Amino acid sequence: MTKDNTMHNKINYKQINWTDGMKINKDHFIGLENYFTACDADVRRIYLDEYSYGLMPLKSPKDKNLEFEAFIDDQKNLKVKVLTCRAITQAGYLIDISNGSTETSNGINLNVEATLAISNMQEKEFYVVISVNPFSRIPIGQAVSSESPLRQPLVIPEYSLQIVHATPNILASLEPDLLPLGKISVVNIKPEIDTTYIPPCTSMNCHNKLQEFHEFATKSINALEMNVVELIAEVNLKATSKALIDIILYLAENLLYYLNDKIFEFKWLLKSKPPVFLISSIVSMAHTIKNAIETRTPEEREKLLNYFSQHFDINPAKFKQLLDITIGIDYQHTDINQSFIKAEDFINVISLLFNELKKMEFIEGVTRTRKIDIIIR
């Protein structure tokens, strides 16, 4: 899916050579405006990368930065209409759709919508993708009767909406001026918007699911820190098994060092950062835990994992798999939720594990089982 090369080639938009006495027309001003638009996009691209584009933060809690509807028309076509969208593409182009349609000079509503015939089609899942061409000017607004010739006073960029089949690599192949907005499934000729899909976002506070996950992660990290501190104190006070003491303390202290370094980032900074930063912090936590375990002797590792198995019914192989899956998260900015599912599974298990560990008697032969299920999605 590509666009015209002029969308990405600033060389097409040069400054105007103004001289005294020259004849001017609207093309000179449009050319100058296009040059500034291209320069503006170039400046934005300095601060944009593959993880920092997408939906923009809400202006107020009552506002929406994305809203679209999907339905099947009388001809059995899938139709999608964007009602609201505030975003920035990776190419640096702004998208600002606030009311879904605008009246053109011909009195026709200019809807940001797309249609796809779905009869006799095997594919049932689709992505909604939008693009913007800031160099194509669409006149809008009410003409002023005192002006001659009559004209609509304002312009907006040209928006284009596409419905594409949800093939495995389609999102990775999108050009920088294309932005995926949502995912739709068609079941029994009825479209259903996938509410689990999270489009690219410029920060964690751009989507309610990201905000909810940030709150969940921050609360879990705070509780985890308290549990680790209590665990270390409890082990030092009550434990009698030297080998078990050493590895439990080593694991807890390494995790505490990590939490001391990161906890205020979770509280203050990550909410306004792109989602990849939060995922990176959680992956680093899993890496810290795995390294703390792997750097002990085989006998110590076996003793620790056996302790987890006996007291919490944790399968050692499944626990290692959970760490490996979390460390191996391949963050995709065009499908954020897949990374957050794996991160959430990890946080749930580790939080529950250390919450129970602080209550345990670290004495060999003493068993008090609390089953912890490891769910890998």
Protein backbone atom coordinates (compact mmCIF):
# COMPACT_ATOMS: atom_id res chain seq x y z
CA MET A 1 0.00 0.00 0.00
CA THR A 2 1.88 3.05 -1.23
CA LYS A 3 1.06 6.64 -2.00
CA ASP A 4 2.23 9.10 -4.65
CA ASN A 5 5.91 9.95 -4.21
CA THR A 6 5.12 13.67 -4.01
CA MET A 7 3.72 12.99 -0.55
CA HIS A 8 7.21 12.23 0.75
CA ASN A 9 9.44 14.33 -1.49
CA LYS A 10 10.02 17.82 -0.12
CA ILE A 11 12.07 18.70 -3.20
CA ASN A 12 8.76 19.28 -5.02
CA TYR A 13 8.03 22.23 -2.74
CA LYS A 14 10.55 25.05 -3.00
CA GLN A 15 10.37 28.61 -1.72
CA ILE A 16 8.89 31.18 -4.09
CA ASN A 17 11.26 33.68 -5.71
CA TRP A 18 9.47 36.95 -5.04
CA THR A 19 10.56 39.99 -7.11
CA ASP A 20 9.20 43.52 -7.48
CA GLY A 21 6.61 43.94 -10.21
CA MET A 22 5.99 40.21 -10.74
CA LYS A 23 2.50 39.01 -11.58
CA ILE A 24 1.14 36.86 -8.80
CA ASN A 25 -1.78 34.47 -8.49
CA LYS A 26 -3.09 31.95 -5.99
CA ASP A 27 -0.64 29.27 -7.18
CA HIS A 28 2.26 31.26 -5.75
CA PHE A 29 0.67 31.34 -2.30
CA ILE A 30 -0.39 27.70 -2.47
CA GLY A 31 3.17 26.76 -3.45
CA LEU A 32 4.56 28.72 -0.51
CA GLU A 33 2.05 27.12 1.85
CA ASN A 34 2.98 23.67 0.53
CA TYR A 35 6.64 24.43 1.19
CA PHE A 36 5.89 25.37 4.80
CA THR A 37 3.66 22.31 5.21
CA ALA A 38 6.48 20.05 3.98
CA CYS A 39 8.98 21.80 6.29
CA ASP A 40 6.57 21.42 9.21
CA ALA A 41 6.24 17.68 8.55
CA ASP A 42 10.03 17.38 8.30
CA VAL A 43 10.44 19.01 11.72
CA ARG A 44 7.84 16.68 13.26
CA ARG A 45 9.63 13.65 11.81
CA ILE A 46 12.71 14.56 13.86
CA TYR A 47 10.72 13.67 16.98
CA LEU A 48 8.84 10.71 15.49
CA ASP A 49 10.03 7.14 15.21
CA GLU A 50 8.37 3.78 14.70
CA TYR A 51 7.05 3.86 18.29
CA SER A 52 5.91 7.47 18.82
CA TYR A 53 3.28 8.20 16.15
CA GLY A 54 -0.46 7.52 16.20
CA LEU A 55 -3.43 8.81 18.19
CA MET A 56 -2.78 12.07 20.03
CA PRO A 57 -3.63 12.85 23.69
CA LEU A 58 -7.16 13.95 24.50
CA LYS A 59 -7.78 17.67 24.92
CA SER A 60 -10.14 16.94 27.82
CA PRO A 61 -11.64 13.82 29.47
CA LYS A 62 -14.88 14.41 27.56
CA ASP A 63 -13.17 14.45 24.17
CA LYS A 64 -12.51 11.49 21.89
CA ASN A 65 -9.47 11.05 19.69
CA LEU A 66 -10.96 8.17 17.68
CA GLU A 67 -14.49 7.16 16.79
CA PHE A 68 -15.71 5.24 13.76
CA GLU A 69 -18.71 3.15 12.81
CA ALA A 70 -19.12 0.06 10.62
CA PHE A 71 -22.24 -1.37 9.00
CA ILE A 72 -23.45 -3.46 6.05
CA ASP A 73 -25.44 -1.59 3.40
CA ASP A 74 -28.28 -2.89 1.23
CA GLN A 75 -25.82 -4.12 -1.42
CA LYS A 76 -24.03 -6.32 1.15
CA ASN A 77 -21.05 -3.98 1.23
CA LEU A 78 -19.04 -3.30 4.37
CA LYS A 79 -19.01 0.44 5.01
CA VAL A 80 -16.84 2.25 7.53
CA LYS A 81 -17.12 5.93 8.42
CA VAL A 82 -14.68 7.87 10.61
CA LEU A 83 -16.47 10.30 12.90
CA THR A 84 -13.53 11.54 14.96
CA CYS A 85 -9.78 11.17 14.65
CA ARG A 86 -6.90 13.19 16.12
CA ALA A 87 -3.58 11.64 15.21
CA ILE A 88 -0.22 12.08 13.57
CA THR A 89 1.21 9.71 10.97
CA GLN A 90 4.79 8.49 11.00
CA ALA A 91 5.38 10.80 8.02
CA GLY A 92 4.59 13.77 10.29
CA TYR A 93 1.17 14.61 8.82
CA LEU A 94 -1.62 15.68 11.20
CA ILE A 95 -5.08 14.12 11.08
CA ASP A 96 -7.88 16.18 12.62
CA ILE A 97 -11.40 14.93 11.92
CA SER A 98 -13.87 16.31 14.43
CA ASN A 99 -17.37 15.84 13.08
CA GLY A 100 -17.16 13.07 10.47
CA SER A 101 -18.26 15.18 7.50
CA THR A 102 -17.89 18.62 6.00
CA GLU A 103 -20.06 20.42 3.48
CA THR A 104 -18.29 21.12 0.19
CA SER A 105 -18.88 23.94 -2.26
CA ASN A 106 -21.42 21.76 -4.07
CA GLY A 107 -23.44 21.23 -0.91
CA ILE A 108 -22.34 17.59 -0.78
CA ASN A 109 -21.20 16.05 2.49
CA LEU A 110 -17.56 15.04 2.31
CA ASN A 111 -17.51 11.89 4.44
CA VAL A 112 -14.33 10.12 5.49
CA GLU A 113 -15.57 6.65 4.66
CA ALA A 114 -14.76 3.50 2.72
CA THR A 115 -16.73 0.65 1.15
CA LEU A 116 -15.74 -2.97 0.50
CA ALA A 117 -17.80 -5.69 -1.16
CA ILE A 118 -17.80 -8.75 1.10
CA SER A 119 -20.11 -11.17 -0.74
CA ASN A 120 -18.48 -14.55 -1.49
CA MET A 121 -15.38 -13.45 0.38
CA GLN A 122 -13.50 -15.86 2.65
CA GLU A 123 -11.60 -13.21 4.61
CA LYS A 124 -13.63 -12.14 7.59
CA GLU A 125 -11.23 -9.81 9.39
CA PHE A 126 -10.25 -6.36 8.13
CA TYR A 127 -8.18 -3.37 9.19
CA VAL A 128 -9.37 0.21 8.78
CA VAL A 129 -6.51 2.37 7.48
CA ILE A 130 -6.53 6.14 6.99
CA SER A 131 -4.18 8.42 5.09
CA VAL A 132 -3.95 12.18 4.71
CA ASN A 133 -2.59 14.30 1.88
CA PRO A 134 -1.96 17.80 3.28
CA PHE A 135 -1.03 19.05 -0.20
CA SER A 136 -4.50 18.35 -1.62
CA ARG A 137 -6.81 21.17 -0.55
CA ILE A 138 -10.55 20.58 -0.03
CA PRO A 139 -12.53 23.87 0.29
CA ILE A 140 -14.95 24.09 3.23
CA GLY A 141 -16.98 26.66 5.11
CA GLN A 142 -19.80 29.08 4.41
CA ALA A 143 -19.25 31.53 1.55
CA VAL A 144 -19.37 35.21 2.53
CA SER A 145 -21.87 37.17 0.42
CA SER A 146 -19.80 40.37 0.53
CA GLU A 147 -16.86 38.68 -1.21
CA SER A 148 -16.52 38.48 -4.97
CA PRO A 149 -16.05 36.00 -6.39
CA LEU A 150 -17.83 33.85 -3.85
CA ARG A 151 -15.58 31.29 -2.24
CA GLN A 152 -15.48 28.94 0.68
CA PRO A 153 -13.04 30.59 3.06
CA LEU A 154 -11.15 27.57 4.43
CA VAL A 155 -9.55 24.32 3.30
CA ILE A 156 -8.86 20.96 4.88
CA PRO A 157 -6.46 18.24 3.72
CA GLU A 158 -7.72 15.29 1.72
CA TYR A 159 -8.39 12.17 3.77
CA SER A 160 -8.60 8.68 2.32
CA LEU A 161 -9.98 5.64 4.13
CA GLN A 162 -9.32 2.04 3.13
CA ILE A 163 -10.57 -1.34 4.33
CA VAL A 164 -7.88 -3.99 3.91
CA HIS A 165 -7.80 -7.72 4.57
CA ALA A 166 -6.19 -8.62 7.91
CA THR A 167 -3.33 -10.63 6.44
CA PRO A 168 -0.39 -11.41 8.78
CA ASN A 169 2.10 -8.81 7.50
CA ILE A 170 -0.18 -6.08 6.20
CA LEU A 171 0.39 -3.67 9.11
CA ALA A 172 4.17 -3.97 8.88
CA SER A 173 4.05 -3.02 5.19
CA LEU A 174 2.17 0.27 5.58
CA GLU A 175 3.81 3.42 4.24
CA PRO A 176 4.61 6.22 6.76
CA ASP A 177 1.58 8.31 5.73
CA LEU A 178 -0.84 5.42 6.42
CA LEU A 179 -2.28 4.88 9.89
CA PRO A 180 -4.31 1.83 11.04
CA LEU A 181 -7.30 2.87 13.14
CA GLY A 182 -9.14 -0.33 13.97
CA LYS A 183 -9.94 -3.94 13.28
CA ILE A 184 -13.30 -5.31 12.18
CA SER A 185 -14.65 -8.86 12.06
CA VAL A 186 -17.62 -9.77 9.88
CA VAL A 187 -19.68 -12.60 11.37
CA ASN A 188 -22.95 -13.68 9.70
CA ILE A 189 -22.92 -10.53 7.55
CA LYS A 190 -22.68 -8.39 10.68
CA PRO A 191 -19.62 -6.23 11.38
CA GLU A 192 -18.13 -6.24 14.86
CA ILE A 193 -15.47 -3.72 15.87
CA ASP A 194 -12.63 -5.48 17.70
CA THR A 195 -12.48 -3.64 21.03
CA THR A 196 -9.23 -5.41 21.99
CA TYR A 197 -7.30 -3.84 19.11
CA ILE A 198 -5.24 -0.80 20.11
CA PRO A 199 -4.04 1.38 17.22
CA PRO A 200 -0.69 3.21 17.28
CA CYS A 201 -0.62 5.83 20.05
CA THR A 202 1.79 8.67 20.74
CA SER A 203 1.62 8.04 24.50
CA MET A 204 -0.02 5.90 27.18
CA ASN A 205 -2.68 8.54 27.88
CA CYS A 206 -4.08 8.40 24.34
CA HIS A 207 -6.23 5.28 24.82
CA ASN A 208 -8.40 4.14 27.72
CA LYS A 209 -7.00 0.59 27.64
CA LEU A 210 -3.44 1.92 27.85
CA GLN A 211 -4.44 4.17 30.75
CA GLU A 212 -6.02 1.20 32.54
CA PHE A 213 -2.92 -0.92 31.99
CA HIS A 214 -0.66 1.86 33.27
CA GLU A 215 -2.73 2.11 36.46
CA PHE A 216 -2.66 -1.69 36.85
CA ALA A 217 1.10 -1.86 36.27
CA THR A 218 1.87 1.04 38.62
CA LYS A 219 -0.25 -0.42 41.46
CA SER A 220 1.28 -3.86 40.90
CA ILE A 221 4.84 -2.49 40.93
CA ASN A 222 4.17 -0.53 44.14
CA ALA A 223 2.74 -3.64 45.83
CA LEU A 224 5.58 -5.78 44.48
CA GLU A 225 8.18 -3.45 45.97
CA MET A 226 6.52 -3.62 49.39
CA ASN A 227 6.27 -7.40 49.20
CA VAL A 228 9.92 -7.78 48.21
CA VAL A 229 11.05 -5.58 51.11
CA GLU A 230 8.90 -7.57 53.56
CA LEU A 231 10.17 -10.82 52.06
CA ILE A 232 13.82 -9.87 52.57
CA ALA A 233 13.12 -8.89 56.17
CA GLU A 234 11.16 -12.11 56.77
CA VAL A 235 13.88 -14.32 55.31
CA ASN A 236 16.58 -12.68 57.40
CA LEU A 237 14.46 -13.10 60.53
CA LYS A 238 12.99 -16.59 60.25
CA ALA A 239 14.67 -18.75 57.63
CA THR A 240 16.74 -21.76 58.74
CA SER A 241 17.64 -23.36 55.40
CA LYS A 242 20.93 -21.72 54.35
CA ALA A 243 20.81 -22.70 50.67
CA LEU A 244 17.22 -21.57 50.26
CA ILE A 245 17.92 -18.34 52.14
CA ASP A 246 20.75 -17.41 49.80
CA ILE A 247 18.89 -17.78 46.53
CA ILE A 248 15.62 -16.26 47.80
CA LEU A 249 17.54 -13.26 49.14
CA TYR A 250 19.59 -12.96 45.96
CA LEU A 251 16.46 -13.02 43.78
CA ALA A 252 14.58 -10.55 45.99
CA GLU A 253 17.50 -8.13 46.33
CA ASN A 254 18.14 -8.06 42.57
CA LEU A 255 14.47 -7.37 41.97
CA LEU A 256 14.46 -4.65 44.64
CA TYR A 257 17.45 -2.92 43.01
CA TYR A 258 15.52 -2.88 39.75
CA LEU A 259 12.33 -1.57 41.39
CA ASN A 260 14.22 1.17 43.24
CA ASP A 261 15.49 2.41 39.89
CA LYS A 262 12.19 2.18 38.01
CA ILE A 263 9.33 2.78 40.42
CA PHE A 264 9.19 6.56 39.98
CA GLU A 265 9.33 6.19 36.22
CA PHE A 266 6.15 4.11 36.50
CA LYS A 267 4.51 6.76 38.71
CA TRP A 268 5.53 9.93 36.92
CA LEU A 269 7.05 9.45 33.47
CA LEU A 270 5.66 6.44 31.64
CA LYS A 271 2.11 7.77 31.42
CA SER A 272 3.22 10.46 28.98
CA LYS A 273 5.66 8.24 27.07
CA PRO A 274 4.91 6.00 24.06
CA PRO A 275 3.66 2.51 25.14
CA VAL A 276 6.95 0.86 24.13
CA PHE A 277 8.65 2.42 27.18
CA LEU A 278 6.30 0.66 29.62
CA ILE A 279 6.71 -2.65 27.81
CA SER A 280 10.49 -2.17 27.85
CA SER A 281 10.43 -1.68 31.64
CA ILE A 282 8.42 -4.87 32.17
CA VAL A 283 10.68 -6.86 29.83
CA SER A 284 13.68 -5.57 31.80
CA MET A 285 12.07 -6.79 35.01
CA ALA A 286 11.63 -10.29 33.57
CA HIS A 287 15.24 -10.18 32.39
CA THR A 288 16.39 -9.19 35.89
CA ILE A 289 14.53 -12.12 37.47
CA LYS A 290 15.81 -14.61 34.91
CA ASN A 291 19.42 -13.47 35.26
CA ALA A 292 19.19 -13.61 39.05
CA ILE A 293 18.09 -17.24 38.81
CA GLU A 294 20.47 -18.25 36.02
CA THR A 295 23.57 -16.90 37.79
CA ARG A 296 23.11 -19.30 40.72
CA THR A 297 24.44 -22.87 40.76
CA PRO A 298 22.34 -25.65 39.20
CA GLU A 299 21.67 -27.04 42.70
CA GLU A 300 20.40 -23.67 43.95
CA ARG A 301 18.20 -23.17 40.89
CA GLU A 302 16.73 -26.62 41.36
CA LYS A 303 16.09 -25.95 45.06
CA LEU A 304 14.31 -22.67 44.28
CA LEU A 305 12.15 -24.08 41.50
CA ASN A 306 11.32 -27.14 43.61
CA TYR A 307 10.27 -24.80 46.41
CA PHE A 308 7.98 -22.94 43.99
CA SER A 309 6.59 -26.26 42.80
CA GLN A 310 5.95 -27.67 46.27
CA HIS A 311 4.43 -24.56 47.82
CA PHE A 312 2.73 -22.90 44.85
CA ASP A 313 2.23 -25.77 42.41
CA ILE A 314 4.25 -23.82 39.83
CA ASN A 315 5.54 -25.97 37.00
CA PRO A 316 9.27 -25.10 36.64
CA ALA A 317 9.20 -25.44 32.84
CA LYS A 318 6.14 -23.21 32.61
CA PHE A 319 7.73 -20.61 34.89
CA LYS A 320 10.82 -20.50 32.66
CA GLN A 321 8.56 -20.25 29.62
CA LEU A 322 6.75 -17.27 31.16
CA LEU A 323 10.06 -15.46 31.64
CA ASP A 324 11.26 -16.31 28.13
CA ILE A 325 8.00 -15.18 26.51
CA THR A 326 8.07 -11.88 28.40
CA ILE A 327 11.73 -11.26 27.55
CA GLY A 328 11.03 -12.18 23.92
CA ILE A 329 8.10 -9.78 23.47
CA ASP A 330 8.24 -8.34 19.96
CA TYR A 331 6.53 -4.98 20.42
CA GLN A 332 4.41 -3.97 17.42
CA HIS A 333 3.26 -0.35 17.51
CA THR A 334 0.49 -1.16 15.02
CA ASP A 335 -0.94 -3.89 17.30
CA ILE A 336 -0.11 -2.81 20.85
CA ASN A 337 -2.48 -5.12 22.72
CA GLN A 338 -0.55 -8.29 21.81
CA SER A 339 2.44 -7.06 23.85
CA PHE A 340 0.30 -5.90 26.76
CA ILE A 341 -1.41 -9.29 27.06
CA LYS A 342 1.96 -11.00 27.61
CA ALA A 343 3.16 -8.27 29.97
CA GLU A 344 -0.04 -8.52 32.02
CA ASP A 345 0.34 -12.31 32.37
CA PHE A 346 3.87 -11.83 33.70
CA ILE A 347 2.92 -9.08 36.17
CA ASN A 348 0.01 -11.11 37.54
CA VAL A 349 2.18 -14.16 38.26
CA ILE A 350 5.17 -12.28 39.74
CA SER A 351 2.95 -10.06 41.92
CA LEU A 352 1.06 -13.03 43.31
CA LEU A 353 4.25 -15.06 43.78
CA PHE A 354 6.00 -12.44 45.92
CA ASN A 355 2.80 -11.63 47.80
CA GLU A 356 2.69 -15.27 48.89
CA LEU A 357 6.44 -15.66 49.39
CA LYS A 358 6.48 -13.01 52.12
CA LYS A 359 4.00 -15.14 54.10
CA MET A 360 5.98 -18.38 53.88
CA GLU A 361 8.11 -20.17 56.47
CA PHE A 362 11.45 -20.82 54.76
CA ILE A 363 12.09 -24.07 56.56
CA GLU A 364 12.76 -27.26 54.63
CA GLY A 365 10.11 -29.85 55.28
CA VAL A 366 7.42 -27.28 56.06
CA THR A 367 4.82 -27.16 53.28
CA ARG A 368 1.96 -24.69 53.00
CA THR A 369 0.60 -24.82 49.47
CA ARG A 370 -0.98 -21.86 47.66
CA LYS A 371 -1.64 -22.72 44.02
CA ILE A 372 -0.53 -20.09 41.50
CA ASP A 373 -1.73 -20.67 37.96
CA ILE A 374 0.56 -19.55 35.14
CA ILE A 375 -1.57 -18.54 32.19
CA ILE A 376 0.29 -18.00 28.92
CA ARG A 377 -1.80 -16.40 26.18
